[in-house]
Amino acid sequence: MHSHGNHDADAVCTAVTEAITEAIPGAQVEVVGGGGHYVIDVVSPIFADLNRLNRKRKVLSAIKHLMAGDHAPVHAVDKLTTRTA
């Protein structure tokens, strides 16, 4: 039985936002989506010293616990944007 549609999209967006802001204090985070698929936009000055791959790694490592396991609320990050401003 699939659980991708069983998670409340707003609650998942909030959980993703909180996890990212915990890992990257002061970041502006926007998360939209549902059904396990999300689009994430993160703005933080911390990215100025990181290349694109390391920016994405930093964000994805912050939410890896939300992507782990068969019943994870986040099935896929369809688009991840990281920028400094």
Protein backbone atom coordinates (compact mmCIF):
# COMPACT_ATOMS: atom_id res chain seq x y z
CA MET A 1 0.00 0.00 0.00
CA HIS A 2 1.42 3.37 -0.98
CA SER A 3 1.32 6.22 1.52
CA HIS A 4 2.47 9.05 -0.74
CA GLY A 5 -0.94 10.70 -0.70
CA ASN A 6 -1.64 10.12 2.98
CA HIS A 7 0.48 12.94 4.39
CA ASP A 8 -1.03 16.37 4.83
CA ALA A 9 0.81 18.55 2.30
CA ASP A 10 0.77 21.67 4.51
CA ALA A 11 2.22 19.75 7.45
CA VAL A 12 4.96 18.29 5.25
CA CYS A 13 5.79 21.72 3.79
CA THR A 14 6.05 23.06 7.35
CA ALA A 15 8.27 20.17 8.44
CA VAL A 16 10.58 20.67 5.45
CA THR A 17 10.75 24.43 6.09
CA GLU A 18 11.55 23.93 9.78
CA ALA A 19 14.24 21.32 9.06
CA ILE A 20 15.97 23.60 6.56
CA THR A 21 15.83 26.69 8.77
CA GLU A 22 17.22 24.64 11.65
CA ALA A 23 20.17 23.58 9.48
CA ILE A 24 20.57 27.00 7.84
CA PRO A 25 19.60 29.66 10.40
CA GLY A 26 18.11 32.79 8.90
CA ALA A 27 17.36 31.16 5.55
CA GLN A 28 14.24 32.19 3.66
CA VAL A 29 12.54 28.94 2.67
CA GLU A 30 9.57 28.35 0.39
CA VAL A 31 8.18 24.85 -0.03
CA VAL A 32 5.24 23.94 -2.25
CA GLY A 33 3.85 20.63 -3.38
CA GLY A 34 1.99 17.58 -2.23
CA GLY A 35 1.56 13.91 -2.88
CA GLY A 36 5.17 13.33 -1.90
CA HIS A 37 6.57 15.70 -4.54
CA TYR A 38 7.91 19.10 -3.50
CA VAL A 39 9.55 22.20 -4.94
CA ILE A 40 11.95 23.97 -2.58
CA ASP A 41 13.45 27.46 -2.84
CA VAL A 42 16.07 28.50 -0.28
CA VAL A 43 17.70 31.92 0.02
CA SER A 44 20.67 32.32 2.37
CA PRO A 45 23.92 34.29 2.42
CA ILE A 46 25.65 31.07 3.54
CA PHE A 47 25.45 29.89 -0.08
CA ALA A 48 27.90 32.58 -1.23
CA ASP A 49 30.83 30.35 -0.22
CA LEU A 50 29.40 27.13 -1.66
CA ASN A 51 29.20 25.80 -5.21
CA ARG A 52 25.84 24.65 -6.59
CA LEU A 53 26.33 20.99 -5.69
CA ASN A 54 27.33 21.76 -2.10
CA ARG A 55 24.38 24.14 -1.74
CA LYS A 56 21.99 21.37 -2.76
CA ARG A 57 23.76 18.85 -0.51
CA LYS A 58 23.36 21.18 2.47
CA VAL A 59 19.62 21.52 1.89
CA LEU A 60 19.02 17.84 1.13
CA SER A 61 21.00 16.72 4.17
CA ALA A 62 18.71 18.91 6.30
CA ILE A 63 15.62 17.03 5.08
CA LYS A 64 17.06 13.53 4.63
CA HIS A 65 15.09 12.27 7.64
CA LEU A 66 11.88 13.31 5.82
CA MET A 67 12.93 11.31 2.75
CA ALA A 68 13.99 8.09 4.51
CA GLY A 69 12.02 4.87 4.52
CA ASP A 70 9.05 3.43 2.66
CA HIS A 71 6.56 5.78 4.33
CA ALA A 72 8.58 8.98 4.04
CA PRO A 73 6.45 12.11 3.59
CA VAL A 74 8.84 13.46 0.95
CA HIS A 75 9.13 11.09 -1.97
CA ALA A 76 10.89 13.48 -4.35
CA VAL A 77 12.23 17.00 -4.59
CA ASP A 78 11.18 17.90 -8.11
CA LYS A 79 13.04 21.22 -8.08
CA LEU A 80 15.51 22.70 -5.62
CA THR A 81 16.62 26.30 -6.02
CA THR A 82 19.36 27.77 -3.83
CA ARG A 83 20.47 31.39 -4.04
CA THR A 84 22.07 34.11 -1.99
CA ALA A 85 19.45 36.83 -2.61
